[in-house]
Every structure is written in C-alpha cells, then in structure tokens.
Amino acid sequence: PIVQRILDQVGDPIGVAGHAIDVTLWIGEACFPEHG
C-alpha cells in the first residue's frame, strides 16, 4: 500500500516553480533477512 501511494502521487504532473513536470518513479524492494 505504501508503494502504491507513492506511485499514485506521481500519476499527475508535479508542479514546480510554474512548471508541470511528468515524473516517473521506479521502486525496488529487498527484505531482511530473506534477501541478505
């Protein structure tokens, strides 16, 4: 759910200093102790 909320936040362009910027995020997860 946290991952989905992060991706949902960039579903629309982010407004920065008068610019609407399309943002793409890529998220990778690793878990302790399963992965190291």
Full PDB file with SEQRES, HELIX, SHEET, SSBOND, CRYST1, ORIGX, SCALE, CONECT and MASTER records, all heavy atoms in Angstrom:
SEQRES   1 A   36  PRO ILE VAL GLN ARG ILE LEU ASP GLN VAL GLY ASP PRO          
SEQRES   2 A   36  ILE GLY VAL ALA GLY HIS ALA ILE ASP VAL THR LEU TRP          
SEQRES   3 A   36  ILE GLY GLU ALA CYS PHE PRO GLU HIS GLY                      
HELIX    1 AA1 ILE A    2  GLN A    9  1                                   8    
SHEET    1 AA1 2 ILE A  14  VAL A  16  0                                        
SHEET    2 AA1 2 HIS A  19  ILE A  21 -1                                        
CRYST1    1.000    1.000    1.000  90.00  90.00  90.00 P 1           1          
ORIGX1      1.000000  0.000000  0.000000        0.00000                         
ORIGX2      0.000000  1.000000  0.000000        0.00000                         
ORIGX3      0.000000  0.000000  1.000000        0.00000                         
SCALE1      1.000000  0.000000  0.000000        0.00000                         
SCALE2      0.000000  1.000000  0.000000        0.00000                         
SCALE3      0.000000  0.000000  1.000000        0.00000                         
ATOM      1  N   PRO A   1       0.819  -1.229   0.000  1.00  0.00           N  
ATOM      2  CA  PRO A   1       0.000   0.000   0.000  1.00  0.00           C  
ATOM      3  C   PRO A   1       0.843   1.266   0.000  1.00  0.00           C  
ATOM      4  O   PRO A   1       0.466   2.259  -0.634  1.00  0.00           O  
ATOM      5  CB  PRO A   1      -0.824  -0.131   1.288  1.00  0.00           C  
ATOM      6  CG  PRO A   1      -0.936  -1.603   1.510  1.00  0.00           C  
ATOM      7  CD  PRO A   1       0.394  -2.157   1.066  1.00  0.00           C  
ATOM      8  N   ILE A   2       1.970   1.268   0.706  1.00  0.00           N  
ATOM      9  CA  ILE A   2       2.840   2.441   0.708  1.00  0.00           C  
ATOM     10  C   ILE A   2       3.420   2.663  -0.686  1.00  0.00           C  
ATOM     11  O   ILE A   2       3.477   3.791  -1.178  1.00  0.00           O  
ATOM     12  CB  ILE A   2       3.961   2.285   1.749  1.00  0.00           C  
ATOM     13  CG1 ILE A   2       3.383   2.451   3.161  1.00  0.00           C  
ATOM     14  CG2 ILE A   2       5.085   3.280   1.506  1.00  0.00           C  
ATOM     15  CD1 ILE A   2       4.410   2.317   4.261  1.00  0.00           C  
ATOM     16  N   VAL A   3       3.838   1.586  -1.322  1.00  0.00           N  
ATOM     17  CA  VAL A   3       4.365   1.691  -2.677  1.00  0.00           C  
ATOM     18  C   VAL A   3       3.311   2.272  -3.609  1.00  0.00           C  
ATOM     19  O   VAL A   3       3.583   3.166  -4.416  1.00  0.00           O  
ATOM     20  CB  VAL A   3       4.838   0.315  -3.187  1.00  0.00           C  
ATOM     21  CG1 VAL A   3       5.180   0.386  -4.671  1.00  0.00           C  
ATOM     22  CG2 VAL A   3       6.034  -0.168  -2.392  1.00  0.00           C  
ATOM     23  N   GLN A   4       2.092   1.771  -3.501  1.00  0.00           N  
ATOM     24  CA  GLN A   4       1.026   2.256  -4.369  1.00  0.00           C  
ATOM     25  C   GLN A   4       0.725   3.724  -4.119  1.00  0.00           C  
ATOM     26  O   GLN A   4       0.472   4.490  -5.058  1.00  0.00           O  
ATOM     27  CB  GLN A   4      -0.240   1.418  -4.169  1.00  0.00           C  
ATOM     28  CG  GLN A   4      -1.290   1.654  -5.251  1.00  0.00           C  
ATOM     29  CD  GLN A   4      -0.736   1.380  -6.644  1.00  0.00           C  
ATOM     30  OE1 GLN A   4      -0.212   0.315  -6.927  1.00  0.00           O  
ATOM     31  NE2 GLN A   4      -0.823   2.373  -7.525  1.00  0.00           N  
ATOM     32  N   ARG A   5       0.776   4.136  -2.849  1.00  0.00           N  
ATOM     33  CA  ARG A   5       0.539   5.550  -2.551  1.00  0.00           C  
ATOM     34  C   ARG A   5       1.629   6.426  -3.162  1.00  0.00           C  
ATOM     35  O   ARG A   5       1.350   7.527  -3.654  1.00  0.00           O  
ATOM     36  CB  ARG A   5       0.465   5.772  -1.038  1.00  0.00           C  
ATOM     37  CG  ARG A   5      -0.821   5.268  -0.406  1.00  0.00           C  
ATOM     38  CD  ARG A   5      -1.102   5.950   0.916  1.00  0.00           C  
ATOM     39  NE  ARG A   5      -0.128   5.625   1.939  1.00  0.00           N  
ATOM     40  CZ  ARG A   5      -0.192   4.567   2.743  1.00  0.00           C  
ATOM     41  NH1 ARG A   5      -1.195   3.703   2.616  1.00  0.00           N  
ATOM     42  NH2 ARG A   5       0.729   4.352   3.658  1.00  0.00           N  
ATOM     43  N   ILE A   6       2.864   5.937  -3.135  1.00  0.00           N  
ATOM     44  CA  ILE A   6       3.964   6.701  -3.750  1.00  0.00           C  
ATOM     45  C   ILE A   6       3.733   6.833  -5.255  1.00  0.00           C  
ATOM     46  O   ILE A   6       3.836   7.925  -5.827  1.00  0.00           O  
ATOM     47  CB  ILE A   6       5.317   6.021  -3.471  1.00  0.00           C  
ATOM     48  CG1 ILE A   6       5.659   6.111  -1.973  1.00  0.00           C  
ATOM     49  CG2 ILE A   6       6.423   6.670  -4.303  1.00  0.00           C  
ATOM     50  CD1 ILE A   6       6.893   5.312  -1.581  1.00  0.00           C  
ATOM     51  N   LEU A   7       3.398   5.727  -5.918  1.00  0.00           N  
ATOM     52  CA  LEU A   7       3.171   5.766  -7.368  1.00  0.00           C  
ATOM     53  C   LEU A   7       1.951   6.605  -7.713  1.00  0.00           C  
ATOM     54  O   LEU A   7       1.938   7.316  -8.730  1.00  0.00           O  
ATOM     55  CB  LEU A   7       3.029   4.351  -7.913  1.00  0.00           C  
ATOM     56  CG  LEU A   7       4.292   3.477  -7.855  1.00  0.00           C  
ATOM     57  CD1 LEU A   7       3.989   2.062  -8.322  1.00  0.00           C  
ATOM     58  CD2 LEU A   7       5.420   4.080  -8.681  1.00  0.00           C  
ATOM     59  N   ASP A   8       0.924   6.553  -6.874  1.00  0.00           N  
ATOM     60  CA  ASP A   8      -0.269   7.361  -7.130  1.00  0.00           C  
ATOM     61  C   ASP A   8       0.038   8.855  -7.075  1.00  0.00           C  
ATOM     62  O   ASP A   8      -0.571   9.654  -7.788  1.00  0.00           O  
ATOM     63  CB  ASP A   8      -1.365   7.027  -6.111  1.00  0.00           C  
ATOM     64  CG  ASP A   8      -1.990   5.658  -6.356  1.00  0.00           C  
ATOM     65  OD1 ASP A   8      -1.800   5.108  -7.457  1.00  0.00           O  
ATOM     66  OD2 ASP A   8      -2.653   5.132  -5.441  1.00  0.00           O  
ATOM     67  N   GLN A   9       0.978   9.225  -6.216  1.00  0.00           N  
ATOM     68  CA  GLN A   9       1.324  10.638  -6.061  1.00  0.00           C  
ATOM     69  C   GLN A   9       1.940  11.226  -7.320  1.00  0.00           C  
ATOM     70  O   GLN A   9       1.901  12.442  -7.534  1.00  0.00           O  
ATOM     71  CB  GLN A   9       2.293  10.825  -4.883  1.00  0.00           C  
ATOM     72  CG  GLN A   9       1.658  10.662  -3.518  1.00  0.00           C  
ATOM     73  CD  GLN A   9       0.687  11.778  -3.195  1.00  0.00           C  
ATOM     74  OE1 GLN A   9       1.006  12.942  -3.331  1.00  0.00           O  
ATOM     75  NE2 GLN A   9      -0.514  11.415  -2.783  1.00  0.00           N  
ATOM     76  N   VAL A  10       2.546  10.390  -8.160  1.00  0.00           N  
ATOM     77  CA  VAL A  10       3.150  10.887  -9.396  1.00  0.00           C  
ATOM     78  C   VAL A  10       2.327  10.497 -10.613  1.00  0.00           C  
ATOM     79  O   VAL A  10       2.814  10.535 -11.743  1.00  0.00           O  
ATOM     80  CB  VAL A  10       4.613  10.396  -9.547  1.00  0.00           C  
ATOM     81  CG1 VAL A  10       5.469  10.978  -8.448  1.00  0.00           C  
ATOM     82  CG2 VAL A  10       4.691   8.877  -9.546  1.00  0.00           C  
ATOM     83  N   GLY A  11       1.078  10.113 -10.384  1.00  0.00           N  
ATOM     84  CA  GLY A  11       0.194   9.817 -11.508  1.00  0.00           C  
ATOM     85  C   GLY A  11      -0.100  11.050 -12.339  1.00  0.00           C  
ATOM     86  O   GLY A  11      -0.322  10.972 -13.548  1.00  0.00           O  
ATOM     87  N   ASP A  12      -0.118  12.227 -11.682  1.00  0.00           N  
ATOM     88  CA  ASP A  12      -0.292  13.507 -12.363  1.00  0.00           C  
ATOM     89  C   ASP A  12       1.018  14.290 -12.293  1.00  0.00           C  
ATOM     90  O   ASP A  12       1.842  14.057 -11.401  1.00  0.00           O  
ATOM     91  CB  ASP A  12      -1.409  14.317 -11.699  1.00  0.00           C  
ATOM     92  CG  ASP A  12      -2.764  13.623 -11.814  1.00  0.00           C  
ATOM     93  OD1 ASP A  12      -3.046  13.073 -12.896  1.00  0.00           O  
ATOM     94  OD2 ASP A  12      -3.523  13.639 -10.826  1.00  0.00           O  
ATOM     95  N   PRO A  13       1.221  15.220 -13.216  1.00  0.00           N  
ATOM     96  CA  PRO A  13       2.450  16.026 -13.171  1.00  0.00           C  
ATOM     97  C   PRO A  13       2.601  16.756 -11.838  1.00  0.00           C  
ATOM     98  O   PRO A  13       1.621  17.141 -11.199  1.00  0.00           O  
ATOM     99  CB  PRO A  13       2.259  17.014 -14.332  1.00  0.00           C  
ATOM    100  CG  PRO A  13       1.321  16.320 -15.273  1.00  0.00           C  
ATOM    101  CD  PRO A  13       0.386  15.540 -14.399  1.00  0.00           C  
ATOM    102  N   ILE A  14       3.846  16.957 -11.424  1.00  0.00           N  
ATOM    103  CA  ILE A  14       4.155  17.682 -10.192  1.00  0.00           C  
ATOM    104  C   ILE A  14       4.462  19.132 -10.548  1.00  0.00           C  
ATOM    105  O   ILE A  14       5.270  19.405 -11.436  1.00  0.00           O  
ATOM    106  CB  ILE A  14       5.350  17.045  -9.463  1.00  0.00           C  
ATOM    107  CG1 ILE A  14       4.979  15.627  -8.996  1.00  0.00           C  
ATOM    108  CG2 ILE A  14       5.785  17.886  -8.273  1.00  0.00           C  
ATOM    109  CD1 ILE A  14       6.119  14.900  -8.305  1.00  0.00           C  
ATOM    110  N   GLY A  15       3.805  20.043  -9.853  1.00  0.00           N  
ATOM    111  CA  GLY A  15       4.022  21.454 -10.107  1.00  0.00           C  
ATOM    112  C   GLY A  15       5.261  21.970  -9.394  1.00  0.00           C  
ATOM    113  O   GLY A  15       5.375  21.840  -8.174  1.00  0.00           O  
ATOM    114  N   VAL A  16       6.197  22.533 -10.158  1.00  0.00           N  
ATOM    115  CA  VAL A  16       7.428  23.092  -9.587  1.00  0.00           C  
ATOM    116  C   VAL A  16       7.715  24.430 -10.265  1.00  0.00           C  
ATOM    117  O   VAL A  16       7.960  24.463 -11.476  1.00  0.00           O  
ATOM    118  CB  VAL A  16       8.631  22.145  -9.780  1.00  0.00           C  
ATOM    119  CG1 VAL A  16       9.894  22.758  -9.200  1.00  0.00           C  
ATOM    120  CG2 VAL A  16       8.372  20.788  -9.147  1.00  0.00           C  
ATOM    121  N   ALA A  17       7.659  25.510  -9.498  1.00  0.00           N  
ATOM    122  CA  ALA A  17       8.004  26.858  -9.996  1.00  0.00           C  
ATOM    123  C   ALA A  17       7.281  27.182 -11.293  1.00  0.00           C  
ATOM    124  O   ALA A  17       7.872  27.722 -12.241  1.00  0.00           O  
ATOM    125  CB  ALA A  17       9.518  26.976 -10.184  1.00  0.00           C  
ATOM    126  N   GLY A  18       5.998  26.871 -11.340  1.00  0.00           N  
ATOM    127  CA  GLY A  18       5.212  27.187 -12.518  1.00  0.00           C  
ATOM    128  C   GLY A  18       5.289  26.171 -13.636  1.00  0.00           C  
ATOM    129  O   GLY A  18       4.632  26.329 -14.669  1.00  0.00           O  
ATOM    130  N   HIS A  19       6.084  25.122 -13.459  1.00  0.00           N  
ATOM    131  CA  HIS A  19       6.207  24.064 -14.463  1.00  0.00           C  
ATOM    132  C   HIS A  19       5.458  22.813 -13.995  1.00  0.00           C  
ATOM    133  O   HIS A  19       5.520  22.459 -12.819  1.00  0.00           O  
ATOM    134  CB  HIS A  19       7.672  23.706 -14.711  1.00  0.00           C  
ATOM    135  CG  HIS A  19       8.511  24.847 -15.180  1.00  0.00           C  
ATOM    136  ND1 HIS A  19       8.504  25.306 -16.468  1.00  0.00           N  
ATOM    137  CD2 HIS A  19       9.397  25.634 -14.500  1.00  0.00           C  
ATOM    138  CE1 HIS A  19       9.339  26.327 -16.582  1.00  0.00           C  
ATOM    139  NE2 HIS A  19       9.898  26.543 -15.399  1.00  0.00           N  
ATOM    140  N   ALA A  20       4.766  22.166 -14.911  1.00  0.00           N  
ATOM    141  CA  ALA A  20       4.129  20.874 -14.617  1.00  0.00           C  
ATOM    142  C   ALA A  20       5.032  19.784 -15.181  1.00  0.00           C  
ATOM    143  O   ALA A  20       5.160  19.644 -16.407  1.00  0.00           O  
ATOM    144  CB  ALA A  20       2.741  20.800 -15.236  1.00  0.00           C  
ATOM    145  N   ILE A  21       5.670  19.023 -14.300  1.00  0.00           N  
ATOM    146  CA  ILE A  21       6.684  18.057 -14.723  1.00  0.00           C  
ATOM    147  C   ILE A  21       6.164  16.631 -14.552  1.00  0.00           C  
ATOM    148  O   ILE A  21       5.757  16.228 -13.457  1.00  0.00           O  
ATOM    149  CB  ILE A  21       7.982  18.249 -13.910  1.00  0.00           C  
ATOM    150  CG1 ILE A  21       8.511  19.677 -14.088  1.00  0.00           C  
ATOM    151  CG2 ILE A  21       9.034  17.235 -14.338  1.00  0.00           C  
ATOM    152  CD1 ILE A  21       9.750  19.970 -13.271  1.00  0.00           C  
ATOM    153  N   ASP A  22       6.176  15.883 -15.655  1.00  0.00           N  
ATOM    154  CA  ASP A  22       5.823  14.464 -15.590  1.00  0.00           C  
ATOM    155  C   ASP A  22       6.962  13.707 -14.915  1.00  0.00           C  
ATOM    156  O   ASP A  22       8.120  13.809 -15.334  1.00  0.00           O  
ATOM    157  CB  ASP A  22       5.596  13.886 -16.989  1.00  0.00           C  
ATOM    158  CG  ASP A  22       4.287  14.365 -17.603  1.00  0.00           C  
ATOM    159  OD1 ASP A  22       3.282  14.404 -16.888  1.00  0.00           O  
ATOM    160  OD2 ASP A  22       4.291  14.699 -18.797  1.00  0.00           O  
ATOM    161  N   VAL A  23       6.631  12.955 -13.891  1.00  0.00           N  
ATOM    162  CA  VAL A  23       7.643  12.234 -13.127  1.00  0.00           C  
ATOM    163  C   VAL A  23       7.366  10.736 -13.198  1.00  0.00           C  
ATOM    164  O   VAL A  23       6.223  10.294 -13.025  1.00  0.00           O  
ATOM    165  CB  VAL A  23       7.659  12.681 -11.650  1.00  0.00           C  
ATOM    166  CG1 VAL A  23       8.648  11.838 -10.840  1.00  0.00           C  
ATOM    167  CG2 VAL A  23       8.027  14.159 -11.555  1.00  0.00           C  
ATOM    168  N   THR A  24       8.400   9.973 -13.475  1.00  0.00           N  
ATOM    169  CA  THR A  24       8.319   8.518 -13.458  1.00  0.00           C  
ATOM    170  C   THR A  24       9.184   8.005 -12.315  1.00  0.00           C  
ATOM    171  O   THR A  24      10.338   8.414 -12.178  1.00  0.00           O  
ATOM    172  CB  THR A  24       8.829   7.923 -14.784  1.00  0.00           C  
ATOM    173  OG1 THR A  24       8.044   8.428 -15.860  1.00  0.00           O  
ATOM    174  CG2 THR A  24       8.722   6.405 -14.766  1.00  0.00           C  
ATOM    175  N   LEU A  25       8.622   7.136 -11.484  1.00  0.00           N  
ATOM    176  CA  LEU A  25       9.376   6.533 -10.390  1.00  0.00           C  
ATOM    177  C   LEU A  25       9.480   5.031 -10.602  1.00  0.00           C  
ATOM    178  O   LEU A  25       8.535   4.386 -11.069  1.00  0.00           O  
ATOM    179  CB  LEU A  25       8.693   6.804  -9.040  1.00  0.00           C  
ATOM    180  CG  LEU A  25       8.577   8.257  -8.591  1.00  0.00           C  
ATOM    181  CD1 LEU A  25       7.921   8.329  -7.210  1.00  0.00           C  
ATOM    182  CD2 LEU A  25       9.932   8.945  -8.559  1.00  0.00           C  
ATOM    183  N   TRP A  26      10.643   4.483 -10.235  1.00  0.00           N  
ATOM    184  CA  TRP A  26      10.860   3.033 -10.255  1.00  0.00           C  
ATOM    185  C   TRP A  26      11.261   2.629  -8.838  1.00  0.00           C  
ATOM    186  O   TRP A  26      12.147   3.245  -8.239  1.00  0.00           O  
ATOM    187  CB  TRP A  26      11.967   2.661 -11.238  1.00  0.00           C  
ATOM    188  CG  TRP A  26      11.805   3.300 -12.586  1.00  0.00           C  
ATOM    189  CD1 TRP A  26      12.423   4.415 -13.046  1.00  0.00           C  
ATOM    190  CD2 TRP A  26      10.950   2.857 -13.639  1.00  0.00           C  
ATOM    191  NE1 TRP A  26      12.023   4.699 -14.328  1.00  0.00           N  
ATOM    192  CE2 TRP A  26      11.116   3.765 -14.716  1.00  0.00           C  
ATOM    193  CE3 TRP A  26      10.063   1.789 -13.777  1.00  0.00           C  
ATOM    194  CZ2 TRP A  26      10.438   3.643 -15.921  1.00  0.00           C  
ATOM    195  CZ3 TRP A  26       9.390   1.669 -14.982  1.00  0.00           C  
ATOM    196  CH2 TRP A  26       9.580   2.573 -16.032  1.00  0.00           C  
ATOM    197  N   ILE A  27      10.618   1.592  -8.311  1.00  0.00           N  
ATOM    198  CA  ILE A  27      10.833   1.214  -6.912  1.00  0.00           C  
ATOM    199  C   ILE A  27      11.262  -0.249  -6.823  1.00  0.00           C  
ATOM    200  O   ILE A  27      10.591  -1.135  -7.359  1.00  0.00           O  
ATOM    201  CB  ILE A  27       9.565   1.428  -6.069  1.00  0.00           C  
ATOM    202  CG1 ILE A  27       9.072   2.885  -6.218  1.00  0.00           C  
ATOM    203  CG2 ILE A  27       9.828   1.108  -4.600  1.00  0.00           C  
ATOM    204  CD1 ILE A  27       7.770   3.162  -5.500  1.00  0.00           C  
ATOM    205  N   GLY A  28      12.397  -0.478  -6.150  1.00  0.00           N  
ATOM    206  CA  GLY A  28      12.872  -1.837  -5.907  1.00  0.00           C  
ATOM    207  C   GLY A  28      12.936  -2.107  -4.419  1.00  0.00           C  
ATOM    208  O   GLY A  28      13.348  -1.237  -3.635  1.00  0.00           O  
ATOM    209  N   GLU A  29      12.528  -3.309  -4.004  1.00  0.00           N  
ATOM    210  CA  GLU A  29      12.485  -3.670  -2.585  1.00  0.00           C  
ATOM    211  C   GLU A  29      13.358  -4.888  -2.314  1.00  0.00           C  
ATOM    212  O   GLU A  29      13.398  -5.835  -3.104  1.00  0.00           O  
ATOM    213  CB  GLU A  29      11.049  -3.989  -2.154  1.00  0.00           C  
ATOM    214  CG  GLU A  29      10.938  -4.467  -0.709  1.00  0.00           C  
ATOM    215  CD  GLU A  29       9.550  -5.000  -0.351  1.00  0.00           C  
ATOM    216  OE1 GLU A  29       8.694  -5.098  -1.250  1.00  0.00           O  
ATOM    217  OE2 GLU A  29       9.322  -5.327   0.832  1.00  0.00           O  
ATOM    218  N   ALA A  30      14.062  -4.867  -1.193  1.00  0.00           N  
ATOM    219  CA  ALA A  30      14.763  -6.043  -0.673  1.00  0.00           C  
ATOM    220  C   ALA A  30      14.422  -6.181   0.800  1.00  0.00           C  
ATOM    221  O   ALA A  30      14.225  -5.173   1.503  1.00  0.00           O  
ATOM    222  CB  ALA A  30      16.269  -5.921  -0.865  1.00  0.00           C  
ATOM    223  N   CYS A  31      14.338  -7.422   1.283  1.00  0.00           N  
ATOM    224  CA  CYS A  31      13.858  -7.685   2.645  1.00  0.00           C  
ATOM    225  C   CYS A  31      14.924  -8.392   3.486  1.00  0.00           C  
ATOM    226  O   CYS A  31      15.623  -9.285   3.002  1.00  0.00           O  
ATOM    227  CB  CYS A  31      12.597  -8.545   2.598  1.00  0.00           C  
ATOM    228  SG  CYS A  31      11.240  -7.809   1.667  1.00  0.00           S  
ATOM    229  N   PHE A  32      15.006  -7.971   4.734  1.00  0.00           N  
ATOM    230  CA  PHE A  32      15.834  -8.662   5.727  1.00  0.00           C  
ATOM    231  C   PHE A  32      14.925  -9.565   6.550  1.00  0.00           C  
ATOM    232  O   PHE A  32      13.859  -9.144   6.992  1.00  0.00           O  
ATOM    233  CB  PHE A  32      16.504  -7.644   6.661  1.00  0.00           C  
ATOM    234  CG  PHE A  32      17.158  -8.270   7.862  1.00  0.00           C  
ATOM    235  CD1 PHE A  32      18.456  -8.741   7.787  1.00  0.00           C  
ATOM    236  CD2 PHE A  32      16.463  -8.420   9.066  1.00  0.00           C  
ATOM    237  CE1 PHE A  32      19.058  -9.337   8.893  1.00  0.00           C  
ATOM    238  CE2 PHE A  32      17.048  -9.012  10.167  1.00  0.00           C  
ATOM    239  CZ  PHE A  32      18.355  -9.468  10.079  1.00  0.00           C  
ATOM    240  N   PRO A  33      15.304 -10.834   6.753  1.00  0.00           N  
ATOM    241  CA  PRO A  33      16.572 -11.469   6.375  1.00  0.00           C  
ATOM    242  C   PRO A  33      16.517 -12.262   5.075  1.00  0.00           C  
ATOM    243  O   PRO A  33      17.507 -12.896   4.711  1.00  0.00           O  
ATOM    244  CB  PRO A  33      16.818 -12.404   7.560  1.00  0.00           C  
ATOM    245  CG  PRO A  33      15.434 -12.851   7.940  1.00  0.00           C  
ATOM    246  CD  PRO A  33      14.532 -11.663   7.698  1.00  0.00           C  
ATOM    247  N   GLU A  34      15.361 -12.267   4.379  1.00  0.00           N  
ATOM    248  CA  GLU A  34      15.196 -13.143   3.224  1.00  0.00           C  
ATOM    249  C   GLU A  34      16.232 -12.893   2.128  1.00  0.00           C  
ATOM    250  O   GLU A  34      16.715 -13.844   1.489  1.00  0.00           O  
ATOM    251  CB  GLU A  34      13.795 -12.973   2.621  1.00  0.00           C  
ATOM    252  CG  GLU A  34      12.658 -13.483   3.498  1.00  0.00           C  
ATOM    253  CD  GLU A  34      12.142 -12.417   4.442  1.00  0.00           C  
ATOM    254  OE1 GLU A  34      12.789 -11.354   4.575  1.00  0.00           O  
ATOM    255  OE2 GLU A  34      11.091 -12.646   5.054  1.00  0.00           O  
ATOM    256  N   HIS A  35      16.592 -11.639   1.909  1.00  0.00           N  
ATOM    257  CA  HIS A  35      17.443 -11.305   0.763  1.00  0.00           C  
ATOM    258  C   HIS A  35      18.863 -10.911   1.145  1.00  0.00           C  
ATOM    259  O   HIS A  35      19.667 -10.581   0.258  1.00  0.00           O  
ATOM    260  CB  HIS A  35      16.798 -10.170  -0.040  1.00  0.00           C  
ATOM    261  CG  HIS A  35      15.449 -10.509  -0.559  1.00  0.00           C  
ATOM    262  ND1 HIS A  35      14.409  -9.596  -0.642  1.00  0.00           N  
ATOM    263  CD2 HIS A  35      14.941 -11.683  -1.010  1.00  0.00           C  
ATOM    264  CE1 HIS A  35      13.343 -10.178  -1.136  1.00  0.00           C  
ATOM    265  NE2 HIS A  35      13.635 -11.449  -1.368  1.00  0.00           N  
ATOM    266  N   GLY A  36      19.193 -10.948   2.411  1.00  0.00           N  
ATOM    267  CA  GLY A  36      20.541 -10.585   2.828  1.00  0.00           C  
ATOM    268  C   GLY A  36      20.572 -10.129   4.266  1.00  0.00           C  
ATOM    269  O   GLY A  36      19.529  -9.827   4.864  1.00  0.00           O  
TER     270      GLY A  36                                                      
MASTER        0    0    0    1    2    0    0    6  269    1    0    3          
END                                                                             
